[in-house]
Protein backbone atom coordinates (compact mmCIF):
# COMPACT_ATOMS: atom_id res chain seq x y z
CA MET A 1 56.01 27.51 -69.34
CA ARG A 2 54.88 30.22 -71.70
CA LEU A 3 58.39 31.73 -71.81
CA TYR A 4 59.82 28.30 -72.67
CA PHE A 5 57.34 27.97 -75.55
CA VAL A 6 58.20 31.44 -76.94
CA ILE A 7 61.96 30.80 -76.73
CA THR A 8 61.57 27.41 -78.42
CA LEU A 9 59.42 28.93 -81.15
CA LEU A 10 61.95 31.73 -81.74
CA PHE A 11 64.80 29.20 -81.88
CA PHE A 12 63.07 27.10 -84.54
CA ALA A 13 62.12 30.19 -86.53
CA MET A 14 65.76 31.34 -86.54
CA VAL A 15 66.97 27.91 -87.64
CA LEU A 16 64.34 27.65 -90.35
CA PHE A 17 64.96 31.09 -91.87
CA SER A 18 68.74 31.18 -91.44
CA CYS A 19 69.24 28.00 -93.47
CA ASN A 20 68.09 29.55 -96.73
CA ASP A 21 70.89 28.08 -98.89
CA ASP A 22 69.26 26.43 -101.86
CA LYS A 23 71.95 24.01 -103.02
CA SER A 24 69.86 22.97 -106.02
CA GLU A 25 70.00 26.49 -107.42
CA SER A 26 72.45 26.48 -110.32
CA PRO A 27 74.25 29.50 -111.72
CA ASP A 28 72.51 31.24 -114.58
CA ILE A 29 75.15 30.28 -117.15
CA TYR A 30 72.52 28.74 -119.42
CA GLY A 31 71.59 30.56 -122.61
CA LYS A 32 73.39 32.25 -125.49
CA TRP A 33 76.48 34.43 -124.88
CA GLN A 34 78.34 36.60 -127.37
CA ILE A 35 82.13 36.25 -127.10
CA ASP A 36 83.27 39.87 -126.81
CA ASN A 37 86.85 40.08 -125.68
CA LEU A 38 89.85 38.30 -124.28
CA MET A 39 91.88 39.71 -121.43
CA SER A 40 95.47 38.51 -121.15
CA LEU A 41 98.98 39.55 -122.04
CA GLU A 42 98.21 38.21 -125.54
CA SER A 43 95.12 40.41 -126.09
CA VAL A 44 96.84 42.61 -128.67
CA ALA A 45 97.78 39.62 -130.82
CA TYR A 46 94.16 38.42 -131.08
CA PRO A 47 91.87 41.38 -131.81
CA LYS A 48 88.22 40.61 -132.39
CA ASP A 49 87.03 41.25 -135.94
CA ASN A 50 84.07 43.60 -135.50
CA GLY A 51 82.42 42.14 -138.58
CA PHE A 52 81.73 38.87 -136.73
CA SER A 53 79.95 38.03 -133.50
CA PRO A 54 81.00 34.57 -132.32
CA TRP A 55 78.78 33.05 -129.63
CA ILE A 56 78.40 30.05 -127.36
CA GLU A 57 75.13 28.65 -126.04
CA PHE A 58 75.04 26.62 -122.83
CA LYS A 59 72.17 24.13 -122.51
CA GLU A 60 70.83 22.68 -119.27
CA ASN A 61 71.65 19.13 -120.40
CA GLY A 62 75.38 19.91 -120.17
CA SER A 63 75.99 20.48 -123.87
CA PHE A 64 76.97 23.64 -125.69
CA GLN A 65 76.83 24.97 -129.24
CA LEU A 66 79.42 27.32 -130.65
CA LYS A 67 79.37 29.68 -133.65
CA LEU A 68 82.69 31.17 -134.63
CA ASP A 69 83.21 33.51 -137.60
CA THR A 70 82.49 30.77 -140.14
CA ASN A 71 82.62 27.43 -138.36
CA MET A 72 80.16 25.80 -135.96
CA GLY A 73 80.95 23.54 -133.03
CA ASN A 74 79.62 21.76 -129.99
CA GLY A 75 80.70 19.82 -126.95
CA SER A 76 80.01 19.20 -123.28
CA PHE A 77 80.54 21.17 -120.10
CA THR A 78 80.31 20.28 -116.44
CA LEU A 79 79.60 22.67 -113.58
CA ALA A 80 81.01 21.90 -110.14
CA GLY A 81 80.74 23.99 -107.00
CA ASP A 82 79.86 27.66 -107.24
CA ASP A 83 82.21 28.72 -110.03
CA SER A 84 84.00 25.72 -111.51
CA VAL A 85 83.47 24.57 -115.10
CA THR A 86 85.18 22.11 -117.44
CA PHE A 87 84.76 21.71 -121.20
CA THR A 88 85.14 18.36 -122.97
CA ASN A 89 84.45 16.77 -126.36
CA VAL A 90 84.89 20.09 -128.19
CA ALA A 91 84.38 19.53 -131.93
CA VAL A 92 84.28 22.18 -134.68
CA THR A 93 83.76 22.17 -138.44
CA LYS A 94 86.66 23.31 -140.64
CA ILE A 95 84.74 24.98 -143.48
CA CYS A 96 86.88 28.07 -143.89
CA CYS A 97 88.98 30.65 -142.17
CA ASP A 98 88.00 31.89 -138.73
CA SER A 99 89.68 34.97 -137.28
CA GLU A 100 92.68 34.67 -134.98
CA PHE A 101 90.39 35.74 -132.13
CA SER A 102 88.00 32.84 -132.77
CA LYS A 103 90.85 30.37 -133.18
CA LYS A 104 92.32 31.48 -129.85
CA PHE A 105 88.94 31.10 -128.12
CA LEU A 106 88.60 27.59 -129.51
CA MET A 107 92.14 26.68 -128.48
CA MET A 108 91.72 28.02 -124.93
CA LEU A 109 88.17 26.73 -124.25
CA PRO A 110 89.28 23.30 -122.91
CA GLN A 111 91.64 25.11 -120.49
CA VAL A 112 88.84 27.12 -118.83
CA THR A 113 88.45 26.09 -115.19
CA ALA A 114 86.19 28.74 -113.67
CA PHE A 115 83.58 31.37 -114.45
CA ARG A 116 82.37 34.60 -112.86
CA PHE A 117 79.25 36.71 -113.36
CA GLU A 118 78.95 40.47 -113.25
CA GLU A 119 75.42 41.57 -114.22
CA GLN A 120 75.00 40.52 -117.90
CA THR A 121 78.68 39.66 -118.34
CA LEU A 122 80.25 36.23 -118.00
CA GLU A 123 83.98 35.67 -117.61
CA LEU A 124 85.44 32.30 -118.58
CA GLN A 125 88.68 32.15 -116.59
CA ILE A 126 91.90 30.36 -117.50
CA PRO A 127 94.52 30.07 -114.73
CA SER A 128 97.81 31.91 -115.34
CA TRP A 129 96.55 33.19 -118.69
CA GLY A 130 93.51 35.45 -118.38
CA TRP A 131 89.82 35.27 -119.28
CA PHE A 132 87.24 35.71 -122.02
CA GLU A 133 84.43 38.24 -121.59
CA LEU A 134 81.00 37.26 -122.86
CA THR A 135 77.73 39.20 -122.94
CA ARG A 136 74.33 37.54 -122.57
CA VAL A 137 72.33 37.47 -125.80
CA SER A 138 69.38 35.36 -124.63
CA ASN A 139 68.29 32.91 -121.93
């Protein structure tokens, strides 16, 4: 009887500790990210102007704010699964002239379908095109 109790206890302990997937845990995409680079065959045509630091800030309510070279914007994003993201309702002011880099980011943002983390770097991925590299500025 004692052996049965020990085996049963071990079985339940294994089940309890092996099911440690916390599905409510969301990726740490939230916070402010500086838009550093784009990686695609078109990279040479859209160099980043080092005098500007465009950024995007993801909020936990599903909205984002965007600061390009001159213009500001906002919109919505939706996370699905482990690495899927969609951007909608993207709106930006048209005060003055943003760089070609910022214009390309704005144009490609609605086409982003996935993201990937590597330490303090975030990649926004666009199928059959490439990705944007972002660096965390703040949480």
